[in-house]
Amino acid sequence: MSIFTSGVFSNIMRYFINFLFSGFLLLSACAQSSIDQALDRYNDGSVPYITVTDMQNFQNKIILDAREWEEFNVSHLKNAIWVGYDNFNISELENKLPDKNAAIVVYCSIGVRSENIGEELLESGYSHTKNLYGGIFEWTNQGYPVYNTKGEKTKKVHAYGKLWGKFLTKAEKVY
């Protein structure tokens, strides 16, 4: 019995093809050289963006943090309410925020996860929901403050992962 007829060869080829495909995905993610390019690639614009600059003039806004608890605990925007991502529950949010006409800004690291949460908010009737373009990374890159759980300003920001952390240029990265 040869290696070609025993099925070993097909298993090796399957492993090799999976290895190549995984490498391709990793390279395509690494190829994103800016927040703009990453958002163009991963978002479809289903939730209107608000820029960091425009957010300064967006009055009476509710700020929702769509990152994971570990990220929020490192730092967050002032007065942000943590809603999470993996365990986001629209029913819980509706109990806390019954006014569906409220001005809401949702953010995450760069704006990908927050678009997904923003879609759920819009579908649930929160018609004034916006996605912070560039997320907390762009916020700190433009020099705006973030706060720790004690309410103190900090330079630390959870970088989510090394792949995405390259977009965080003006903060102390925490992994």
N, C-alpha and C. Protein backbone atom coordinates (compact mmCIF):
# COMPACT_ATOMS: atom_id res chain seq x y z
N MET A 1 0.85 -1.17 0.00
CA MET A 1 0.00 0.00 0.00
C MET A 1 0.90 1.24 0.00
N SER A 2 0.65 2.14 -0.93
CA SER A 2 1.47 3.35 -1.01
C SER A 2 0.82 4.48 -0.21
N ILE A 3 1.58 5.53 0.00
CA ILE A 3 1.09 6.70 0.72
C ILE A 3 -0.08 7.33 -0.03
N PHE A 4 -0.11 7.22 -1.36
CA PHE A 4 -1.15 7.84 -2.17
C PHE A 4 -2.49 7.11 -2.07
N THR A 5 -2.50 5.84 -1.78
CA THR A 5 -3.74 5.07 -1.72
C THR A 5 -4.23 4.86 -0.29
N SER A 6 -3.44 5.22 0.70
CA SER A 6 -3.82 4.94 2.08
C SER A 6 -4.66 6.04 2.73
N GLY A 7 -4.84 7.14 2.10
CA GLY A 7 -5.58 8.25 2.72
C GLY A 7 -4.67 9.19 3.46
N VAL A 8 -3.44 8.78 3.73
CA VAL A 8 -2.50 9.66 4.42
C VAL A 8 -2.20 10.87 3.55
N PHE A 9 -2.05 10.63 2.26
CA PHE A 9 -1.74 11.72 1.34
C PHE A 9 -2.87 12.76 1.34
N SER A 10 -4.12 12.31 1.31
CA SER A 10 -5.23 13.26 1.29
C SER A 10 -5.30 14.04 2.61
N ASN A 11 -4.97 13.41 3.71
CA ASN A 11 -4.94 14.12 4.99
C ASN A 11 -3.83 15.17 5.01
N ILE A 12 -2.69 14.84 4.45
CA ILE A 12 -1.58 15.79 4.37
C ILE A 12 -1.97 16.96 3.48
N MET A 13 -2.59 16.68 2.35
CA MET A 13 -3.01 17.74 1.43
C MET A 13 -4.07 18.64 2.09
N ARG A 14 -5.01 18.05 2.80
CA ARG A 14 -6.05 18.82 3.49
C ARG A 14 -5.40 19.74 4.53
N TYR A 15 -4.45 19.21 5.29
CA TYR A 15 -3.74 20.01 6.29
C TYR A 15 -3.00 21.16 5.61
N PHE A 16 -2.34 20.87 4.51
CA PHE A 16 -1.56 21.87 3.78
C PHE A 16 -2.48 22.98 3.25
N ILE A 17 -3.61 22.61 2.68
CA ILE A 17 -4.55 23.60 2.15
C ILE A 17 -5.11 24.45 3.28
N ASN A 18 -5.46 23.83 4.40
CA ASN A 18 -5.94 24.59 5.56
C ASN A 18 -4.87 25.55 6.08
N PHE A 19 -3.64 25.10 6.09
CA PHE A 19 -2.52 25.93 6.53
C PHE A 19 -2.38 27.14 5.60
N LEU A 20 -2.44 26.93 4.31
CA LEU A 20 -2.34 28.03 3.34
C LEU A 20 -3.50 29.01 3.50
N PHE A 21 -4.71 28.49 3.66
CA PHE A 21 -5.87 29.34 3.81
C PHE A 21 -5.77 30.19 5.08
N SER A 22 -5.35 29.58 6.17
CA SER A 22 -5.19 30.31 7.43
C SER A 22 -4.15 31.41 7.28
N GLY A 23 -3.07 31.10 6.61
CA GLY A 23 -2.03 32.09 6.36
C GLY A 23 -2.55 33.25 5.53
N PHE A 24 -3.36 32.95 4.53
CA PHE A 24 -3.95 33.99 3.70
C PHE A 24 -4.83 34.92 4.52
N LEU A 25 -5.66 34.36 5.40
CA LEU A 25 -6.53 35.17 6.25
C LEU A 25 -5.72 36.07 7.17
N LEU A 26 -4.67 35.52 7.74
CA LEU A 26 -3.82 36.30 8.63
C LEU A 26 -3.15 37.44 7.88
N LEU A 27 -2.64 37.15 6.68
CA LEU A 27 -2.00 38.19 5.89
C LEU A 27 -2.98 39.27 5.47
N SER A 28 -4.21 38.89 5.13
CA SER A 28 -5.18 39.90 4.73
C SER A 28 -5.53 40.81 5.90
N ALA A 29 -5.60 40.26 7.10
CA ALA A 29 -5.86 41.09 8.28
C ALA A 29 -4.68 42.01 8.56
N CYS A 30 -3.48 41.50 8.42
CA CYS A 30 -2.28 42.30 8.66
C CYS A 30 -2.12 43.39 7.60
N ALA A 31 -2.70 43.18 6.44
CA ALA A 31 -2.54 44.12 5.35
C ALA A 31 -3.29 45.43 5.62
N GLN A 32 -4.21 45.43 6.55
CA GLN A 32 -4.92 46.66 6.87
C GLN A 32 -3.93 47.61 7.52
N SER A 33 -3.66 48.72 6.85
CA SER A 33 -2.63 49.61 7.36
C SER A 33 -3.19 50.83 8.07
N SER A 34 -4.50 50.98 8.10
CA SER A 34 -5.08 52.11 8.79
C SER A 34 -6.46 51.74 9.31
N ILE A 35 -6.94 52.55 10.23
CA ILE A 35 -8.30 52.36 10.73
C ILE A 35 -9.29 52.50 9.58
N ASP A 36 -9.06 53.49 8.73
CA ASP A 36 -9.96 53.69 7.58
C ASP A 36 -10.08 52.43 6.74
N GLN A 37 -8.95 51.82 6.42
CA GLN A 37 -8.97 50.62 5.59
C GLN A 37 -9.66 49.46 6.30
N ALA A 38 -9.42 49.31 7.59
CA ALA A 38 -10.06 48.23 8.34
C ALA A 38 -11.57 48.42 8.39
N LEU A 39 -12.02 49.65 8.62
CA LEU A 39 -13.46 49.90 8.66
C LEU A 39 -14.10 49.71 7.28
N ASP A 40 -13.39 50.12 6.24
CA ASP A 40 -13.90 49.87 4.88
C ASP A 40 -14.05 48.38 4.61
N ARG A 41 -13.12 47.61 5.14
CA ARG A 41 -13.14 46.16 4.89
C ARG A 41 -14.20 45.43 5.71
N TYR A 42 -14.33 45.79 6.99
CA TYR A 42 -15.16 45.00 7.90
C TYR A 42 -16.55 45.59 8.17
N ASN A 43 -16.77 46.85 7.88
CA ASN A 43 -18.07 47.47 8.13
C ASN A 43 -18.79 47.75 6.81
N ASP A 44 -20.11 47.86 6.91
CA ASP A 44 -20.87 48.20 5.71
C ASP A 44 -21.57 49.55 5.85
N GLY A 45 -21.30 50.27 6.93
CA GLY A 45 -21.89 51.59 7.12
C GLY A 45 -23.36 51.55 7.50
N SER A 46 -23.82 50.44 8.03
CA SER A 46 -25.23 50.28 8.39
C SER A 46 -25.63 51.17 9.57
N VAL A 47 -24.67 51.60 10.35
CA VAL A 47 -24.91 52.51 11.47
C VAL A 47 -24.16 53.79 11.15
N PRO A 48 -24.85 54.93 11.16
CA PRO A 48 -24.16 56.19 10.83
C PRO A 48 -22.98 56.43 11.77
N TYR A 49 -21.88 56.87 11.18
CA TYR A 49 -20.70 57.21 11.97
C TYR A 49 -20.83 58.61 12.56
N ILE A 50 -20.14 58.79 13.66
CA ILE A 50 -19.89 60.11 14.20
C ILE A 50 -18.39 60.19 14.44
N THR A 51 -17.77 61.27 14.04
CA THR A 51 -16.33 61.40 14.23
C THR A 51 -16.03 61.84 15.66
N VAL A 52 -14.79 61.66 16.05
CA VAL A 52 -14.35 62.09 17.37
C VAL A 52 -14.61 63.59 17.53
N THR A 53 -14.29 64.37 16.51
CA THR A 53 -14.50 65.83 16.57
C THR A 53 -15.98 66.17 16.68
N ASP A 54 -16.81 65.56 15.84
CA ASP A 54 -18.24 65.85 15.88
C ASP A 54 -18.89 65.40 17.19
N MET A 55 -18.33 64.41 17.81
CA MET A 55 -18.90 63.93 19.07
C MET A 55 -18.82 64.99 20.16
N GLN A 56 -17.88 65.90 20.06
CA GLN A 56 -17.75 66.97 21.05
C GLN A 56 -18.98 67.87 21.05
N ASN A 57 -19.67 67.97 19.91
CA ASN A 57 -20.85 68.83 19.77
C ASN A 57 -22.16 68.06 19.84
N PHE A 58 -22.11 66.76 20.01
CA PHE A 58 -23.30 65.92 20.06
C PHE A 58 -23.82 65.96 21.49
N GLN A 59 -24.82 66.80 21.72
CA GLN A 59 -25.29 67.09 23.07
C GLN A 59 -26.14 65.97 23.66
N ASN A 60 -26.11 65.87 24.98
CA ASN A 60 -26.96 64.95 25.75
C ASN A 60 -26.91 63.52 25.23
N LYS A 61 -25.75 63.07 24.94
CA LYS A 61 -25.58 61.73 24.38
C LYS A 61 -25.38 60.69 25.48
N ILE A 62 -25.83 59.50 25.17
CA ILE A 62 -25.55 58.35 26.01
C ILE A 62 -24.45 57.58 25.30
N ILE A 63 -23.39 57.27 26.03
CA ILE A 63 -22.23 56.59 25.43
C ILE A 63 -22.22 55.14 25.90
N LEU A 64 -22.23 54.23 24.92
CA LEU A 64 -22.22 52.80 25.22
C LEU A 64 -20.91 52.18 24.77
N ASP A 65 -20.27 51.44 25.65
CA ASP A 65 -19.02 50.76 25.36
C ASP A 65 -19.32 49.31 24.99
N ALA A 66 -19.03 48.95 23.74
CA ALA A 66 -19.35 47.60 23.23
C ALA A 66 -18.13 46.68 23.24
N ARG A 67 -17.17 46.97 24.11
CA ARG A 67 -16.02 46.08 24.25
C ARG A 67 -16.29 45.09 25.38
N GLU A 68 -15.37 44.20 25.57
CA GLU A 68 -15.51 43.23 26.65
C GLU A 68 -15.15 43.88 27.99
N TRP A 69 -15.62 43.26 29.07
CA TRP A 69 -15.43 43.80 30.42
C TRP A 69 -13.95 44.07 30.73
N GLU A 70 -13.08 43.18 30.33
CA GLU A 70 -11.64 43.36 30.60
C GLU A 70 -11.11 44.63 29.93
N GLU A 71 -11.61 44.92 28.73
CA GLU A 71 -11.18 46.12 28.00
C GLU A 71 -11.71 47.37 28.70
N PHE A 72 -13.00 47.35 29.05
CA PHE A 72 -13.63 48.48 29.72
C PHE A 72 -12.93 48.80 31.03
N ASN A 73 -12.54 47.77 31.78
CA ASN A 73 -11.89 47.98 33.07
C ASN A 73 -10.53 48.65 32.96
N VAL A 74 -9.86 48.51 31.83
CA VAL A 74 -8.57 49.19 31.65
C VAL A 74 -8.82 50.69 31.48
N SER A 75 -9.75 51.03 30.60
CA SER A 75 -10.13 52.43 30.40
C SER A 75 -11.36 52.50 29.51
N HIS A 76 -12.00 53.65 29.57
CA HIS A 76 -13.20 53.89 28.77
C HIS A 76 -13.42 55.39 28.67
N LEU A 77 -14.34 55.78 27.79
CA LEU A 77 -14.71 57.18 27.66
C LEU A 77 -15.49 57.60 28.91
N LYS A 78 -15.38 58.86 29.25
CA LYS A 78 -16.05 59.38 30.44
C LYS A 78 -17.55 59.15 30.35
N ASN A 79 -18.11 58.65 31.43
CA ASN A 79 -19.54 58.39 31.57
C ASN A 79 -20.06 57.28 30.66
N ALA A 80 -19.18 56.49 30.08
CA ALA A 80 -19.62 55.39 29.22
C ALA A 80 -20.30 54.31 30.06
N ILE A 81 -21.29 53.70 29.45
CA ILE A 81 -22.00 52.58 30.06
C ILE A 81 -21.54 51.31 29.36
N TRP A 82 -21.06 50.36 30.12
CA TRP A 82 -20.61 49.11 29.52
C TRP A 82 -21.81 48.25 29.14
N VAL A 83 -21.83 47.82 27.85
CA VAL A 83 -22.87 46.90 27.40
C VAL A 83 -22.27 45.60 26.86
N GLY A 84 -20.97 45.60 26.62
CA GLY A 84 -20.29 44.40 26.15
C GLY A 84 -20.59 44.06 24.71
N TYR A 85 -20.04 42.95 24.30
CA TYR A 85 -20.25 42.49 22.93
C TYR A 85 -20.72 41.04 22.90
N ASP A 86 -19.88 40.14 23.39
CA ASP A 86 -20.23 38.72 23.34
C ASP A 86 -21.52 38.41 24.08
N ASN A 87 -21.75 39.10 25.18
CA ASN A 87 -22.95 38.85 25.99
C ASN A 87 -23.94 40.01 25.96
N PHE A 88 -23.87 40.82 24.90
CA PHE A 88 -24.79 41.96 24.79
C PHE A 88 -26.23 41.46 24.80
N ASN A 89 -27.07 42.14 25.58
CA ASN A 89 -28.47 41.74 25.70
C ASN A 89 -29.35 42.96 25.50
N ILE A 90 -30.02 43.03 24.36
CA ILE A 90 -30.84 44.19 24.04
C ILE A 90 -31.98 44.38 25.04
N SER A 91 -32.54 43.30 25.56
CA SER A 91 -33.64 43.40 26.54
C SER A 91 -33.17 44.10 27.81
N GLU A 92 -31.98 43.77 28.28
CA GLU A 92 -31.44 44.43 29.47
C GLU A 92 -31.24 45.92 29.22
N LEU A 93 -30.75 46.25 28.02
CA LEU A 93 -30.53 47.65 27.69
C LEU A 93 -31.86 48.41 27.61
N GLU A 94 -32.86 47.79 27.04
CA GLU A 94 -34.17 48.43 26.93
C GLU A 94 -34.75 48.73 28.32
N ASN A 95 -34.46 47.87 29.30
CA ASN A 95 -34.91 48.13 30.66
C ASN A 95 -34.18 49.32 31.27
N LYS A 96 -32.89 49.47 30.95
CA LYS A 96 -32.09 50.57 31.50
C LYS A 96 -32.32 51.87 30.75
N LEU A 97 -32.55 51.77 29.43
CA LEU A 97 -32.72 52.95 28.58
C LEU A 97 -34.04 52.85 27.81
N PRO A 98 -35.15 53.15 28.47
CA PRO A 98 -36.44 53.00 27.78
C PRO A 98 -36.70 54.06 26.70
N ASP A 99 -36.00 55.20 26.74
CA ASP A 99 -36.22 56.27 25.76
C ASP A 99 -35.53 55.93 24.44
N LYS A 100 -36.30 55.48 23.49
CA LYS A 100 -35.73 55.07 22.20
C LYS A 100 -35.39 56.26 21.30
N ASN A 101 -35.72 57.49 21.77
CA ASN A 101 -35.34 58.69 21.02
C ASN A 101 -34.04 59.30 21.55
N ALA A 102 -33.43 58.65 22.52
CA ALA A 102 -32.19 59.16 23.11
C ALA A 102 -31.07 59.16 22.07
N ALA A 103 -30.19 60.14 22.18
CA ALA A 103 -29.00 60.21 21.32
C ALA A 103 -27.97 59.25 21.90
N ILE A 104 -27.59 58.25 21.11
CA ILE A 104 -26.68 57.21 21.58
C ILE A 104 -25.45 57.15 20.68
N VAL A 105 -24.28 57.06 21.31
CA VAL A 105 -23.03 56.79 20.60
C VAL A 105 -22.49 55.48 21.15
N VAL A 106 -22.26 54.53 20.27
CA VAL A 106 -21.69 53.24 20.68
C VAL A 106 -20.28 53.17 20.12
N TYR A 107 -19.36 52.62 20.92
CA TYR A 107 -17.97 52.51 20.47
C TYR A 107 -17.36 51.21 20.93
N CYS A 108 -16.26 50.85 20.28
CA CYS A 108 -15.43 49.70 20.67
C CYS A 108 -13.99 50.12 20.42
N SER A 109 -13.13 49.19 20.03
CA SER A 109 -11.73 49.55 19.79
C SER A 109 -11.59 50.47 18.59
N ILE A 110 -12.11 50.03 17.42
CA ILE A 110 -12.01 50.88 16.22
C ILE A 110 -13.36 51.14 15.55
N GLY A 111 -14.40 50.37 15.90
CA GLY A 111 -15.71 50.62 15.32
C GLY A 111 -16.35 49.44 14.62
N VAL A 112 -15.75 48.26 14.70
CA VAL A 112 -16.32 47.09 14.04
C VAL A 112 -17.37 46.43 14.93
N ARG A 113 -17.01 46.09 16.15
CA ARG A 113 -17.99 45.48 17.06
C ARG A 113 -19.13 46.45 17.37
N SER A 114 -18.80 47.73 17.49
CA SER A 114 -19.84 48.71 17.80
C SER A 114 -20.84 48.85 16.66
N GLU A 115 -20.43 48.61 15.42
CA GLU A 115 -21.40 48.63 14.33
C GLU A 115 -22.42 47.50 14.52
N ASN A 116 -21.95 46.33 14.90
CA ASN A 116 -22.86 45.20 15.14
C ASN A 116 -23.85 45.51 16.25
N ILE A 117 -23.37 46.07 17.34
CA ILE A 117 -24.27 46.44 18.44
C ILE A 117 -25.20 47.56 18.00
N GLY A 118 -24.66 48.52 17.26
CA GLY A 118 -25.48 49.62 16.74
C GLY A 118 -26.62 49.12 15.86
N GLU A 119 -26.36 48.09 15.06
CA GLU A 119 -27.40 47.50 14.22
C GLU A 119 -28.54 46.96 15.09
N GLU A 120 -28.18 46.30 16.18
CA GLU A 120 -29.21 45.77 17.10
C GLU A 120 -30.01 46.90 17.73
N LEU A 121 -29.32 47.99 18.07
CA LEU A 121 -30.00 49.14 18.66
C LEU A 121 -30.98 49.75 17.65
N LEU A 122 -30.53 49.95 16.43
CA LEU A 122 -31.40 50.51 15.40
C LEU A 122 -32.60 49.61 15.13
N GLU A 123 -32.36 48.31 15.05
CA GLU A 123 -33.46 47.35 14.82
C GLU A 123 -34.47 47.36 15.96
N SER A 124 -34.01 47.72 17.16
CA SER A 124 -34.89 47.76 18.33
C SER A 124 -35.57 49.11 18.50
N GLY A 125 -35.33 50.02 17.57
CA GLY A 125 -36.01 51.31 17.59
C GLY A 125 -35.24 52.48 18.14
N TYR A 126 -33.97 52.28 18.52
CA TYR A 126 -33.15 53.40 18.98
C TYR A 126 -32.66 54.14 17.73
N SER A 127 -33.48 55.09 17.27
CA SER A 127 -33.28 55.69 15.95
C SER A 127 -32.16 56.72 15.88
N HIS A 128 -31.65 57.17 17.01
CA HIS A 128 -30.58 58.17 17.02
C HIS A 128 -29.26 57.56 17.48
N THR A 129 -28.96 56.38 16.94
CA THR A 129 -27.73 55.66 17.30
C THR A 129 -26.64 55.97 16.30
N LYS A 130 -25.45 56.24 16.81
CA LYS A 130 -24.28 56.49 15.96
C LYS A 130 -23.13 55.61 16.42
N ASN A 131 -22.23 55.32 15.48
CA ASN A 131 -21.04 54.51 15.74
C ASN A 131 -19.83 55.44 15.75
N LEU A 132 -19.05 55.45 16.82
CA LEU A 132 -17.87 56.31 16.90
C LEU A 132 -16.81 55.82 15.93
N TYR A 133 -16.53 56.61 14.91
CA TYR A 133 -15.57 56.24 13.87
C TYR A 133 -14.16 56.15 14.47
N GLY A 134 -13.57 54.97 14.39
CA GLY A 134 -12.24 54.75 14.92
C GLY A 134 -12.22 54.35 16.39
N GLY A 135 -13.40 54.39 17.03
CA GLY A 135 -13.53 53.93 18.40
C GLY A 135 -12.61 54.61 19.40
N ILE A 136 -12.34 53.89 20.48
CA ILE A 136 -11.49 54.43 21.54
C ILE A 136 -10.06 54.65 21.06
N PHE A 137 -9.63 53.88 20.04
CA PHE A 137 -8.28 54.08 19.51
C PHE A 137 -8.16 55.47 18.89
N GLU A 138 -9.11 55.83 18.03
CA GLU A 138 -9.07 57.15 17.39
C GLU A 138 -9.27 58.25 18.42
N TRP A 139 -10.11 57.99 19.40
CA TRP A 139 -10.35 58.95 20.48
C TRP A 139 -9.02 59.30 21.17
N THR A 140 -8.27 58.29 21.57
CA THR A 140 -7.00 58.56 22.26
C THR A 140 -5.93 59.04 21.27
N ASN A 141 -5.96 58.55 20.04
CA ASN A 141 -4.99 59.01 19.04
C ASN A 141 -5.13 60.51 18.80
N GLN A 142 -6.33 61.05 18.97
CA GLN A 142 -6.54 62.49 18.79
C GLN A 142 -6.35 63.27 20.09
N GLY A 143 -5.92 62.58 21.14
CA GLY A 143 -5.55 63.27 22.37
C GLY A 143 -6.66 63.45 23.39
N TYR A 144 -7.80 62.81 23.20
CA TYR A 144 -8.88 62.93 24.17
C TYR A 144 -8.66 61.95 25.32
N PRO A 145 -9.14 62.29 26.52
CA PRO A 145 -8.85 61.47 27.70
C PRO A 145 -9.75 60.23 27.80
N VAL A 146 -9.20 59.24 28.47
CA VAL A 146 -9.94 58.04 28.86
C VAL A 146 -9.76 57.88 30.37
N TYR A 147 -10.65 57.09 30.97
CA TYR A 147 -10.71 57.00 32.42
C TYR A 147 -10.69 55.55 32.88
N ASN A 148 -10.07 55.33 34.04
CA ASN A 148 -10.08 53.98 34.61
C ASN A 148 -11.33 53.80 35.45
N THR A 149 -11.44 52.66 36.12
CA THR A 149 -12.65 52.36 36.88
C THR A 149 -12.82 53.25 38.12
N LYS A 150 -11.75 53.93 38.52
CA LYS A 150 -11.83 54.87 39.65
C LYS A 150 -12.22 56.27 39.20
N GLY A 151 -12.43 56.44 37.89
CA GLY A 151 -12.79 57.75 37.35
C GLY A 151 -11.60 58.66 37.12
N GLU A 152 -10.39 58.09 37.20
CA GLU A 152 -9.17 58.88 37.01
C GLU A 152 -8.70 58.76 35.56
N LYS A 153 -8.15 59.86 35.04
CA LYS A 153 -7.58 59.83 33.70
C LYS A 153 -6.44 58.82 33.66
N THR A 154 -6.32 58.13 32.54
CA THR A 154 -5.24 57.17 32.37
C THR A 154 -4.75 57.20 30.93
N LYS A 155 -3.55 56.78 30.73
CA LYS A 155 -2.97 56.66 29.38
C LYS A 155 -3.12 55.24 28.85
N LYS A 156 -3.64 54.34 29.67
CA LYS A 156 -3.74 52.93 29.28
C LYS A 156 -5.02 52.67 28.50
N VAL A 157 -4.88 51.88 27.44
CA VAL A 157 -6.03 51.43 26.65
C VAL A 157 -5.80 49.97 26.30
N HIS A 158 -6.83 49.18 26.47
CA HIS A 158 -6.74 47.77 26.07
C HIS A 158 -6.66 47.72 24.55
N ALA A 159 -5.62 47.10 24.02
CA ALA A 159 -5.37 47.11 22.58
C ALA A 159 -6.06 45.97 21.84
N TYR A 160 -6.86 45.18 22.51
CA TYR A 160 -7.65 44.09 21.95
C TYR A 160 -6.80 42.92 21.49
N GLY A 161 -5.74 43.18 20.78
CA GLY A 161 -4.83 42.16 20.30
C GLY A 161 -3.72 42.84 19.51
N LYS A 162 -2.64 42.15 19.30
CA LYS A 162 -1.49 42.75 18.61
C LYS A 162 -1.85 43.18 17.19
N LEU A 163 -2.70 42.41 16.53
CA LEU A 163 -3.10 42.73 15.17
C LEU A 163 -3.81 44.08 15.10
N TRP A 164 -4.73 44.32 16.04
CA TRP A 164 -5.49 45.56 16.05
C TRP A 164 -4.74 46.66 16.80
N GLY A 165 -3.89 46.27 17.73
CA GLY A 165 -3.16 47.24 18.54
C GLY A 165 -2.29 48.18 17.73
N LYS A 166 -1.93 47.79 16.52
CA LYS A 166 -1.10 48.67 15.68
C LYS A 166 -1.80 49.98 15.35
N PHE A 167 -3.14 50.00 15.48
CA PHE A 167 -3.89 51.22 15.19
C PHE A 167 -3.93 52.18 16.38
N LEU A 168 -3.50 51.73 17.53
CA LEU A 168 -3.47 52.54 18.74
C LEU A 168 -2.08 53.16 18.86
N THR A 169 -1.97 54.45 18.59
CA THR A 169 -0.64 55.06 18.50
C THR A 169 -0.31 56.03 19.63
N LYS A 170 -1.30 56.50 20.38
CA LYS A 170 -1.02 57.50 21.40
C LYS A 170 -1.56 57.10 22.77
N ALA A 171 -1.32 55.87 23.13
CA ALA A 171 -1.73 55.38 24.44
C ALA A 171 -0.82 54.25 24.84
N GLU A 172 -0.82 53.93 26.11
CA GLU A 172 -0.07 52.78 26.60
C GLU A 172 -0.93 51.53 26.37
N LYS A 173 -0.44 50.63 25.54
CA LYS A 173 -1.21 49.44 25.16
C LYS A 173 -1.19 48.41 26.28
N VAL A 174 -2.37 47.87 26.57
CA VAL A 174 -2.52 46.79 27.54
C VAL A 174 -3.16 45.64 26.80
N TYR A 175 -2.62 44.43 27.01
CA TYR A 175 -3.18 43.25 26.34
C TYR A 175 -3.75 42.29 27.37
